[in-house]
PDB file of N, CA and C in Angstrom:
ATOM      1  N   MET A   1      -3.069  -2.266 -43.606  1.00  0.00           N
ATOM      2  CA  MET A   1      -2.994  -0.826 -43.411  1.00  0.00           C
ATOM      3  C   MET A   1      -2.231  -0.219 -44.570  1.00  0.00           C
ATOM      4  N   GLY A   2      -2.812   0.793 -45.156  1.00  0.00           N
ATOM      5  CA  GLY A   2      -2.221   1.421 -46.321  1.00  0.00           C
ATOM      6  C   GLY A   2      -1.064   2.342 -45.971  1.00  0.00           C
ATOM      7  N   ARG A   3      -0.423   2.759 -47.018  1.00  0.00           N
ATOM      8  CA  ARG A   3       0.774   3.592 -46.876  1.00  0.00           C
ATOM      9  C   ARG A   3       0.457   4.979 -46.320  1.00  0.00           C
ATOM     10  N   TYR A   4      -0.699   5.527 -46.689  1.00  0.00           N
ATOM     11  CA  TYR A   4      -1.042   6.899 -46.301  1.00  0.00           C
ATOM     12  C   TYR A   4      -2.196   6.964 -45.307  1.00  0.00           C
ATOM     13  N   ASP A   5      -2.493   5.873 -44.637  1.00  0.00           N
ATOM     14  CA  ASP A   5      -3.657   5.836 -43.736  1.00  0.00           C
ATOM     15  C   ASP A   5      -3.585   6.883 -42.630  1.00  0.00           C
ATOM     16  N   LEU A   6      -2.430   7.101 -42.044  1.00  0.00           N
ATOM     17  CA  LEU A   6      -2.319   8.084 -40.957  1.00  0.00           C
ATOM     18  C   LEU A   6      -2.611   9.498 -41.449  1.00  0.00           C
ATOM     19  N   GLU A   7      -2.113   9.839 -42.634  1.00  0.00           N
ATOM     20  CA  GLU A   7      -2.363  11.178 -43.174  1.00  0.00           C
ATOM     21  C   GLU A   7      -3.834  11.380 -43.498  1.00  0.00           C
ATOM     22  N   TRP A   8      -4.463  10.353 -44.101  1.00  0.00           N
ATOM     23  CA  TRP A   8      -5.879  10.491 -44.448  1.00  0.00           C
ATOM     24  C   TRP A   8      -6.749  10.504 -43.207  1.00  0.00           C
ATOM     25  N   ARG A   9      -6.353   9.788 -42.177  1.00  0.00           N
ATOM     26  CA  ARG A   9      -7.089   9.829 -40.905  1.00  0.00           C
ATOM     27  C   ARG A   9      -7.027  11.232 -40.313  1.00  0.00           C
ATOM     28  N   SER A  10      -5.870  11.859 -40.406  1.00  0.00           N
ATOM     29  CA  SER A  10      -5.720  13.231 -39.929  1.00  0.00           C
ATOM     30  C   SER A  10      -6.599  14.183 -40.741  1.00  0.00           C
ATOM     31  N   TYR A  11      -6.672  13.975 -42.054  1.00  0.00           N
ATOM     32  CA  TYR A  11      -7.516  14.802 -42.915  1.00  0.00           C
ATOM     33  C   TYR A  11      -8.980  14.661 -42.519  1.00  0.00           C
ATOM     34  N   ARG A  12      -9.441  13.437 -42.284  1.00  0.00           N
ATOM     35  CA  ARG A  12     -10.836  13.220 -41.875  1.00  0.00           C
ATOM     36  C   ARG A  12     -11.132  13.884 -40.533  1.00  0.00           C
ATOM     37  N   ARG A  13     -10.187  13.782 -39.604  1.00  0.00           N
ATOM     38  CA  ARG A  13     -10.371  14.393 -38.284  1.00  0.00           C
ATOM     39  C   ARG A  13     -10.486  15.912 -38.410  1.00  0.00           C
ATOM     40  N   LEU A  14      -9.649  16.518 -39.242  1.00  0.00           N
ATOM     41  CA  LEU A  14      -9.732  17.967 -39.452  1.00  0.00           C
ATOM     42  C   LEU A  14     -11.060  18.364 -40.084  1.00  0.00           C
ATOM     43  N   ARG A  15     -11.548  17.534 -40.988  1.00  0.00           N
ATOM     44  CA  ARG A  15     -12.815  17.835 -41.648  1.00  0.00           C
ATOM     45  C   ARG A  15     -13.961  17.827 -40.638  1.00  0.00           C
ATOM     46  N   TRP A  16     -13.988  16.842 -39.739  1.00  0.00           N
ATOM     47  CA  TRP A  16     -15.031  16.785 -38.725  1.00  0.00           C
ATOM     48  C   TRP A  16     -14.886  17.900 -37.705  1.00  0.00           C
ATOM     49  N   LEU A  17     -13.649  18.186 -37.306  1.00  0.00           N
ATOM     50  CA  LEU A  17     -13.433  19.272 -36.338  1.00  0.00           C
ATOM     51  C   LEU A  17     -13.920  20.606 -36.884  1.00  0.00           C
ATOM     52  N   SER A  18     -13.598  20.883 -38.141  1.00  0.00           N
ATOM     53  CA  SER A  18     -14.001  22.168 -38.715  1.00  0.00           C
ATOM     54  C   SER A  18     -15.517  22.278 -38.778  1.00  0.00           C
ATOM     55  N   LEU A  19     -16.196  21.190 -39.060  1.00  0.00           N
ATOM     56  CA  LEU A  19     -17.654  21.227 -39.128  1.00  0.00           C
ATOM     57  C   LEU A  19     -18.284  21.325 -37.739  1.00  0.00           C
ATOM     58  N   LEU A  20     -17.872  20.461 -36.832  1.00  0.00           N
ATOM     59  CA  LEU A  20     -18.503  20.410 -35.515  1.00  0.00           C
ATOM     60  C   LEU A  20     -18.228  21.637 -34.661  1.00  0.00           C
ATOM     61  N   PHE A  21     -17.049  22.237 -34.818  1.00  0.00           N
ATOM     62  CA  PHE A  21     -16.739  23.397 -33.997  1.00  0.00           C
ATOM     63  C   PHE A  21     -17.232  24.697 -34.628  1.00  0.00           C
ATOM     64  N   PHE A  22     -17.524  24.687 -35.917  1.00  0.00           N
ATOM     65  CA  PHE A  22     -18.001  25.903 -36.556  1.00  0.00           C
ATOM     66  C   PHE A  22     -19.517  26.044 -36.431  1.00  0.00           C
ATOM     67  N   LEU A  23     -20.237  24.944 -36.276  1.00  0.00           N
ATOM     68  CA  LEU A  23     -21.696  25.017 -36.173  1.00  0.00           C
ATOM     69  C   LEU A  23     -22.191  25.843 -34.981  1.00  0.00           C
ATOM     70  N   PRO A  24     -21.612  25.703 -33.771  1.00  0.00           N
ATOM     71  CA  PRO A  24     -22.070  26.578 -32.674  1.00  0.00           C
ATOM     72  C   PRO A  24     -21.811  28.058 -32.960  1.00  0.00           C
ATOM     73  N   PHE A  25     -20.756  28.352 -33.709  1.00  0.00           N
ATOM     74  CA  PHE A  25     -20.483  29.732 -34.083  1.00  0.00           C
ATOM     75  C   PHE A  25     -21.612  30.286 -34.955  1.00  0.00           C
ATOM     76  N   CYS A  26     -22.173  29.432 -35.792  1.00  0.00           N
ATOM     77  CA  CYS A  26     -23.291  29.864 -36.638  1.00  0.00           C
ATOM     78  C   CYS A  26     -24.552  30.134 -35.830  1.00  0.00           C
ATOM     79  N   ALA A  27     -24.627  29.576 -34.634  1.00  0.00           N
ATOM     80  CA  ALA A  27     -25.796  29.797 -33.774  1.00  0.00           C
ATOM     81  C   ALA A  27     -25.682  31.085 -32.970  1.00  0.00           C
ATOM     82  N   MET A  28     -24.602  31.818 -33.117  1.00  0.00           N
ATOM     83  CA  MET A  28     -24.384  33.023 -32.333  1.00  0.00           C
ATOM     84  C   MET A  28     -25.463  34.087 -32.530  1.00  0.00           C
ATOM     85  N   PRO A  29     -25.990  34.315 -33.723  1.00  0.00           N
ATOM     86  CA  PRO A  29     -27.068  35.320 -33.840  1.00  0.00           C
ATOM     87  C   PRO A  29     -28.283  34.988 -32.982  1.00  0.00           C
ATOM     88  N   PHE A  30     -28.598  33.710 -32.825  1.00  0.00           N
ATOM     89  CA  PHE A  30     -29.716  33.333 -31.973  1.00  0.00           C
ATOM     90  C   PHE A  30     -29.400  33.597 -30.502  1.00  0.00           C
ATOM     91  N   ALA A  31     -28.146  33.382 -30.125  1.00  0.00           N
ATOM     92  CA  ALA A  31     -27.741  33.670 -28.743  1.00  0.00           C
ATOM     93  C   ALA A  31     -27.809  35.165 -28.463  1.00  0.00           C
ATOM     94  N   LEU A  32     -27.448  35.978 -29.430  1.00  0.00           N
ATOM     95  CA  LEU A  32     -27.504  37.425 -29.242  1.00  0.00           C
ATOM     96  C   LEU A  32     -28.945  37.917 -29.133  1.00  0.00           C
ATOM     97  N   ARG A  33     -29.839  37.243 -29.814  1.00  0.00           N
ATOM     98  CA  ARG A  33     -31.230  37.661 -29.781  1.00  0.00           C
ATOM     99  C   ARG A  33     -31.829  37.479 -28.390  1.00  0.00           C
ATOM    100  N   TYR A  34     -31.455  36.416 -27.726  1.00  0.00           N
ATOM    101  CA  TYR A  34     -31.989  36.128 -26.404  1.00  0.00           C
ATOM    102  C   TYR A  34     -31.017  36.550 -25.314  1.00  0.00           C
ATOM    103  N   SER A  35     -30.479  37.750 -25.449  1.00  0.00           N
ATOM    104  CA  SER A  35     -29.494  38.220 -24.471  1.00  0.00           C
ATOM    105  C   SER A  35     -30.188  38.604 -23.170  1.00  0.00           C
ATOM    106  N   GLY A  36     -29.450  38.439 -22.119  1.00  0.00           N
ATOM    107  CA  GLY A  36     -29.923  38.761 -20.784  1.00  0.00           C
ATOM    108  C   GLY A  36     -28.709  38.781 -19.876  1.00  0.00           C
ATOM    109  N   HIS A  37     -28.851  38.260 -18.681  1.00  0.00           N
ATOM    110  CA  HIS A  37     -27.723  38.212 -17.750  1.00  0.00           C
ATOM    111  C   HIS A  37     -26.660  37.216 -18.187  1.00  0.00           C
ATOM    112  N   VAL A  38     -27.056  36.239 -18.948  1.00  0.00           N
ATOM    113  CA  VAL A  38     -26.104  35.225 -19.384  1.00  0.00           C
ATOM    114  C   VAL A  38     -25.611  35.488 -20.811  1.00  0.00           C
ATOM    115  N   ALA A  39     -25.785  36.719 -21.269  1.00  0.00           N
ATOM    116  CA  ALA A  39     -25.408  37.044 -22.646  1.00  0.00           C
ATOM    117  C   ALA A  39     -23.919  36.858 -22.902  1.00  0.00           C
ATOM    118  N   ALA A  40     -23.101  37.160 -21.917  1.00  0.00           N
ATOM    119  CA  ALA A  40     -21.651  37.002 -22.102  1.00  0.00           C
ATOM    120  C   ALA A  40     -21.280  35.547 -22.323  1.00  0.00           C
ATOM    121  N   ILE A  41     -21.918  34.657 -21.589  1.00  0.00           N
ATOM    122  CA  ILE A  41     -21.641  33.219 -21.758  1.00  0.00           C
ATOM    123  C   ILE A  41     -22.169  32.736 -23.097  1.00  0.00           C
ATOM    124  N   LEU A  42     -23.358  33.182 -23.446  1.00  0.00           N
ATOM    125  CA  LEU A  42     -23.955  32.741 -24.699  1.00  0.00           C
ATOM    126  C   LEU A  42     -23.176  33.225 -25.920  1.00  0.00           C
ATOM    127  N   VAL A  43     -22.468  34.313 -25.783  1.00  0.00           N
ATOM    128  CA  VAL A  43     -21.686  34.829 -26.903  1.00  0.00           C
ATOM    129  C   VAL A  43     -20.263  34.284 -26.883  1.00  0.00           C
ATOM    130  N   SER A  44     -19.680  34.131 -25.719  1.00  0.00           N
ATOM    131  CA  SER A  44     -18.277  33.723 -25.666  1.00  0.00           C
ATOM    132  C   SER A  44     -18.069  32.258 -26.025  1.00  0.00           C
ATOM    133  N   ILE A  45     -18.978  31.384 -25.648  1.00  0.00           N
ATOM    134  CA  ILE A  45     -18.807  29.969 -25.974  1.00  0.00           C
ATOM    135  C   ILE A  45     -18.815  29.733 -27.480  1.00  0.00           C
ATOM    136  N   PRO A  46     -19.788  30.257 -28.225  1.00  0.00           N
ATOM    137  CA  PRO A  46     -19.716  30.067 -29.684  1.00  0.00           C
ATOM    138  C   PRO A  46     -18.486  30.722 -30.320  1.00  0.00           C
ATOM    139  N   MET A  47     -17.999  31.808 -29.743  1.00  0.00           N
ATOM    140  CA  MET A  47     -16.798  32.440 -30.292  1.00  0.00           C
ATOM    141  C   MET A  47     -15.585  31.526 -30.168  1.00  0.00           C
ATOM    142  N   VAL A  48     -15.457  30.848 -29.036  1.00  0.00           N
ATOM    143  CA  VAL A  48     -14.345  29.910 -28.843  1.00  0.00           C
ATOM    144  C   VAL A  48     -14.476  28.739 -29.805  1.00  0.00           C
ATOM    145  N   PHE A  49     -15.681  28.183 -29.901  1.00  0.00           N
ATOM    146  CA  PHE A  49     -15.897  27.076 -30.831  1.00  0.00           C
ATOM    147  C   PHE A  49     -15.639  27.519 -32.269  1.00  0.00           C
ATOM    148  N   GLY A  50     -16.058  28.719 -32.611  1.00  0.00           N
ATOM    149  CA  GLY A  50     -15.828  29.236 -33.960  1.00  0.00           C
ATOM    150  C   GLY A  50     -14.352  29.408 -34.267  1.00  0.00           C
ATOM    151  N   ALA A  51     -13.586  29.865 -33.281  1.00  0.00           N
ATOM    152  CA  ALA A  51     -12.146  30.030 -33.490  1.00  0.00           C
ATOM    153  C   ALA A  51     -11.476  28.690 -33.739  1.00  0.00           C
ATOM    154  N   VAL A  52     -11.844  27.677 -32.971  1.00  0.00           N
ATOM    155  CA  VAL A  52     -11.285  26.340 -33.191  1.00  0.00           C
ATOM    156  C   VAL A  52     -11.694  25.814 -34.561  1.00  0.00           C
ATOM    157  N   GLY A  53     -12.930  26.047 -34.959  1.00  0.00           N
ATOM    158  CA  GLY A  53     -13.402  25.616 -36.276  1.00  0.00           C
ATOM    159  C   GLY A  53     -12.661  26.292 -37.410  1.00  0.00           C
ATOM    160  N   VAL A  54     -12.392  27.578 -37.262  1.00  0.00           N
ATOM    161  CA  VAL A  54     -11.663  28.314 -38.307  1.00  0.00           C
ATOM    162  C   VAL A  54     -10.223  27.815 -38.404  1.00  0.00           C
ATOM    163  N   ILE A  55      -9.591  27.552 -37.273  1.00  0.00           N
ATOM    164  CA  ILE A  55      -8.216  27.028 -37.291  1.00  0.00           C
ATOM    165  C   ILE A  55      -8.183  25.665 -37.963  1.00  0.00           C
ATOM    166  N   ALA A  56      -9.144  24.799 -37.643  1.00  0.00           N
ATOM    167  CA  ALA A  56      -9.208  23.483 -38.283  1.00  0.00           C
ATOM    168  C   ALA A  56      -9.461  23.623 -39.779  1.00  0.00           C
ATOM    169  N   TRP A  57     -10.278  24.587 -40.174  1.00  0.00           N
ATOM    170  CA  TRP A  57     -10.567  24.815 -41.599  1.00  0.00           C
ATOM    171  C   TRP A  57      -9.301  25.239 -42.346  1.00  0.00           C
ATOM    172  N   PHE A  58      -8.514  26.125 -41.751  1.00  0.00           N
ATOM    173  CA  PHE A  58      -7.269  26.542 -42.393  1.00  0.00           C
ATOM    174  C   PHE A  58      -6.303  25.374 -42.515  1.00  0.00           C
ATOM    175  N   GLN A  59      -6.204  24.548 -41.483  1.00  0.00           N
ATOM    176  CA  GLN A  59      -5.330  23.384 -41.563  1.00  0.00           C
ATOM    177  C   GLN A  59      -5.817  22.408 -42.622  1.00  0.00           C
ATOM    178  N   LEU A  60      -7.112  22.308 -42.778  1.00  0.00           N
ATOM    179  CA  LEU A  60      -7.692  21.447 -43.799  1.00  0.00           C
ATOM    180  C   LEU A  60      -7.374  21.962 -45.198  1.00  0.00           C
ATOM    181  N   ASN A  61      -7.483  23.265 -45.383  1.00  0.00           N
ATOM    182  CA  ASN A  61      -7.185  23.843 -46.697  1.00  0.00           C
ATOM    183  C   ASN A  61      -5.708  23.734 -47.058  1.00  0.00           C
ATOM    184  N   TYR A  62      -4.843  23.788 -46.064  1.00  0.00           N
ATOM    185  CA  TYR A  62      -3.406  23.719 -46.319  1.00  0.00           C
ATOM    186  C   TYR A  62      -2.845  22.328 -46.027  1.00  0.00           C
ATOM    187  N   PHE A  63      -3.673  21.311 -46.217  1.00  0.00           N
ATOM    188  CA  PHE A  63      -3.264  19.922 -46.033  1.00  0.00           C
ATOM    189  C   PHE A  63      -2.259  19.541 -47.125  1.00  0.00           C
ATOM    190  N   ARG A  64      -1.207  18.879 -46.723  1.00  0.00           N
ATOM    191  CA  ARG A  64      -0.160  18.469 -47.667  1.00  0.00           C
ATOM    192  C   ARG A  64      -0.441  17.067 -48.188  1.00  0.00           C
ATOM    193  N   CYS A  65      -0.191  16.879 -49.468  1.00  0.00           N
ATOM    194  CA  CYS A  65      -0.390  15.581 -50.110  1.00  0.00           C
ATOM    195  C   CYS A  65       0.561  14.557 -49.489  1.00  0.00           C
ATOM    196  N   PRO A  66       0.061  13.383 -49.132  1.00  0.00           N
ATOM    197  CA  PRO A  66       0.936  12.374 -48.546  1.00  0.00           C
ATOM    198  C   PRO A  66       2.009  11.871 -49.514  1.00  0.00           C
ATOM    199  N   ARG A  67       1.740  11.902 -50.826  1.00  0.00           N
ATOM    200  CA  ARG A  67       2.696  11.385 -51.798  1.00  0.00           C
ATOM    201  C   ARG A  67       3.780  12.395 -52.147  1.00  0.00           C
ATOM    202  N   CYS A  68       3.379  13.595 -52.586  1.00  0.00           N
ATOM    203  CA  CYS A  68       4.382  14.552 -53.087  1.00  0.00           C
ATOM    204  C   CYS A  68       4.770  15.607 -52.053  1.00  0.00           C
ATOM    205  N   GLY A  69       3.981  15.782 -50.989  1.00  0.00           N
ATOM    206  CA  GLY A  69       4.316  16.743 -49.951  1.00  0.00           C
ATOM    207  C   GLY A  69       3.943  18.178 -50.268  1.00  0.00           C
ATOM    208  N   ARG A  70       3.334  18.414 -51.413  1.00  0.00           N
ATOM    209  CA  ARG A  70       2.890  19.762 -51.758  1.00  0.00           C
ATOM    210  C   ARG A  70       1.447  19.947 -51.313  1.00  0.00           C
ATOM    211  N   LEU A  71       0.949  21.173 -51.374  1.00  0.00           N
ATOM    212  CA  LEU A  71      -0.426  21.437 -50.946  1.00  0.00           C
ATOM    213  C   LEU A  71      -1.391  20.633 -51.808  1.00  0.00           C
ATOM    214  N   PHE A  72      -2.297  19.910 -51.158  1.00  0.00           N
ATOM    215  CA  PHE A  72      -3.165  18.965 -51.855  1.00  0.00           C
ATOM    216  C   PHE A  72      -4.113  19.656 -52.831  1.00  0.00           C
ATOM    217  N   ALA A  73      -4.714  20.759 -52.430  1.00  0.00           N
ATOM    218  CA  ALA A  73      -5.777  21.371 -53.229  1.00  0.00           C
ATOM    219  C   ALA A  73      -5.436  22.763 -53.746  1.00  0.00           C
ATOM    220  N   ILE A  74      -4.246  23.255 -53.472  1.00  0.00           N
ATOM    221  CA  ILE A  74      -3.899  24.621 -53.862  1.00  0.00           C
ATOM    222  C   ILE A  74      -2.723  24.599 -54.831  1.00  0.00           C
ATOM    223  N   ALA A  75      -2.940  25.216 -55.988  1.00  0.00           N
ATOM    224  CA  ALA A  75      -1.856  25.410 -56.953  1.00  0.00           C
ATOM    225  C   ALA A  75      -1.474  26.881 -56.917  1.00  0.00           C
ATOM    226  N   SER A  76      -0.670  27.299 -57.841  1.00  0.00           N
ATOM    227  CA  SER A  76      -0.168  28.672 -57.806  1.00  0.00           C
ATOM    228  C   SER A  76      -1.265  29.716 -58.012  1.00  0.00           C
ATOM    229  N   TRP A  77      -2.302  29.387 -58.755  1.00  0.00           N
ATOM    230  CA  TRP A  77      -3.293  30.416 -59.058  1.00  0.00           C
ATOM    231  C   TRP A  77      -4.735  30.002 -58.753  1.00  0.00           C
ATOM    232  N   TYR A  78      -4.955  28.817 -58.201  1.00  0.00           N
ATOM    233  CA  TYR A  78      -6.319  28.440 -57.835  1.00  0.00           C
ATOM    234  C   TYR A  78      -6.327  27.536 -56.615  1.00  0.00           C
ATOM    235  N   ASN A  79      -7.504  27.457 -55.989  1.00  0.00           N
ATOM    236  CA  ASN A  79      -7.675  26.697 -54.760  1.00  0.00           C
ATOM    237  C   ASN A  79      -8.982  25.924 -54.866  1.00  0.00           C
ATOM    238  N   LEU A  80      -8.899  24.600 -54.834  1.00  0.00           N
ATOM    239  CA  LEU A  80     -10.103  23.768 -54.886  1.00  0.00           C
ATOM    240  C   LEU A  80     -10.665  23.470 -53.504  1.00  0.00           C
ATOM    241  N   SER A  81      -9.924  23.827 -52.461  1.00  0.00           N
ATOM    242  CA  SER A  81     -10.348  23.660 -51.076  1.00  0.00           C
ATOM    243  C   SER A  81     -10.736  22.214 -50.800  1.00  0.00           C
ATOM    244  N   ILE A  82     -11.825  22.001 -50.076  1.00  0.00           N
ATOM    245  CA  ILE A  82     -12.221  20.636 -49.727  1.00  0.00           C
ATOM    246  C   ILE A  82     -12.851  19.906 -50.908  1.00  0.00           C
ATOM    247  N   PHE A  83     -13.068  20.583 -52.013  1.00  0.00           N
ATOM    248  CA  PHE A  83     -13.724  19.976 -53.166  1.00  0.00           C
ATOM    249  C   PHE A  83     -12.749  19.262 -54.099  1.00  0.00           C
ATOM    250  N   ALA A  84     -11.471  19.322 -53.801  1.00  0.00           N
ATOM    251  CA  ALA A  84     -10.482  18.629 -54.631  1.00  0.00           C
ATOM    252  C   ALA A  84     -10.653  17.127 -54.472  1.00  0.00           C
ATOM    253  N   ARG A  85     -10.736  16.436 -55.591  1.00  0.00           N
ATOM    254  CA  ARG A  85     -10.873  14.980 -55.559  1.00  0.00           C
ATOM    255  C   ARG A  85      -9.527  14.283 -55.688  1.00  0.00           C
ATOM    256  N   LYS A  86      -8.547  15.016 -56.159  1.00  0.00           N
ATOM    257  CA  LYS A  86      -7.196  14.466 -56.264  1.00  0.00           C
ATOM    258  C   LYS A  86      -6.199  15.601 -56.110  1.00  0.00           C
ATOM    259  N   CYS A  87      -4.961  15.243 -55.816  1.00  0.00           N
ATOM    260  CA  CYS A  87      -3.908  16.246 -55.641  1.00  0.00           C
ATOM    261  C   CYS A  87      -3.735  17.011 -56.946  1.00  0.00           C
ATOM    262  N   VAL A  88      -3.651  18.318 -56.867  1.00  0.00           N
ATOM    263  CA  VAL A  88      -3.513  19.129 -58.070  1.00  0.00           C
ATOM    264  C   VAL A  88      -2.097  19.051 -58.649  1.00  0.00           C
ATOM    265  N   HIS A  89      -1.175  18.431 -57.925  1.00  0.00           N
ATOM    266  CA  HIS A  89       0.203  18.338 -58.398  1.00  0.00           C
ATOM    267  C   HIS A  89       0.554  16.945 -58.915  1.00  0.00           C
ATOM    268  N   CYS A  90       0.294  15.897 -58.121  1.00  0.00           N
ATOM    269  CA  CYS A  90       0.717  14.550 -58.521  1.00  0.00           C
ATOM    270  C   CYS A  90      -0.445  13.649 -58.923  1.00  0.00           C
ATOM    271  N   GLY A  91      -1.682  14.059 -58.653  1.00  0.00           N
ATOM    272  CA  GLY A  91      -2.842  13.285 -59.072  1.00  0.00           C
ATOM    273  C   GLY A  91      -3.282  12.189 -58.121  1.00  0.00           C
ATOM    274  N   LEU A  92      -2.731  12.131 -56.906  1.00  0.00           N
ATOM    275  CA  LEU A  92      -3.167  11.136 -55.929  1.00  0.00           C
ATOM    276  C   LEU A  92      -4.613  11.413 -55.556  1.00  0.00           C
ATOM    277  N   ARG A  93      -5.458  10.387 -55.691  1.00  0.00           N
ATOM    278  CA  ARG A  93      -6.870  10.555 -55.373  1.00  0.00           C
ATOM    279  C   ARG A  93      -7.052  10.699 -53.870  1.00  0.00           C
ATOM    280  N   LYS A  94      -8.055  11.502 -53.479  1.00  0.00           N
ATOM    281  CA  LYS A  94      -8.332  11.713 -52.063  1.00  0.00           C
ATOM    282  C   LYS A  94      -8.659  10.370 -51.407  1.00  0.00           C
ATOM    283  N   PHE A  95      -8.039  10.105 -50.292  1.00  0.00           N
ATOM    284  CA  PHE A  95      -8.159   8.867 -49.526  1.00  0.00           C
ATOM    285  C   PHE A  95      -7.627   7.668 -50.294  1.00  0.00           C
ATOM    286  N   GLY A  96      -6.812   7.904 -51.317  1.00  0.00           N
ATOM    287  CA  GLY A  96      -6.282   6.814 -52.129  1.00  0.00           C
ATOM    288  C   GLY A  96      -4.888   6.401 -51.713  1.00  0.00           C
ATOM    289  N   GLU A  97      -4.431   5.351 -52.354  1.00  0.00           N
ATOM    290  CA  GLU A  97      -3.080   4.811 -52.145  1.00  0.00           C
ATOM    291  C   GLU A  97      -2.352   4.853 -53.468  1.00  0.00           C
ATOM    292  N   ASP A  98      -1.053   4.581 -53.443  1.00  0.00           N
ATOM    293  CA  ASP A  98      -0.272   4.502 -54.673  1.00  0.00           C
ATOM    294  C   ASP A  98      -0.749   3.329 -55.518  1.00  0.00           C
ATOM    295  N   ASP A  99      -0.651   3.503 -56.823  1.00  0.00           N
ATOM    296  CA  ASP A  99      -1.046   2.416 -57.737  1.00  0.00           C
ATOM    297  C   ASP A  99       0.021   1.364 -57.837  1.00  0.00           C
TER     298      ASP A  99
END
């Protein structure tokens, strides 16, 4: 077991949560199109899932580097978001261990 396995496991979990909970939110326009007596349910469920997805996305973007403790993908003037392959501060590769 590596030194940063728990942190990277948490990062992977946040990545899946943000994707899986945001997808029903994207289906909301289709639910609105077929509105009827159950329109409130069809709209409220995707809204709840979307809120959880957005919260997970924010936690993912503000993930702290396991090595240096600073924001993994955000520097003072730019944000690489989930596309960062390594920490913008110390250079730790995503899902990597110390050399």
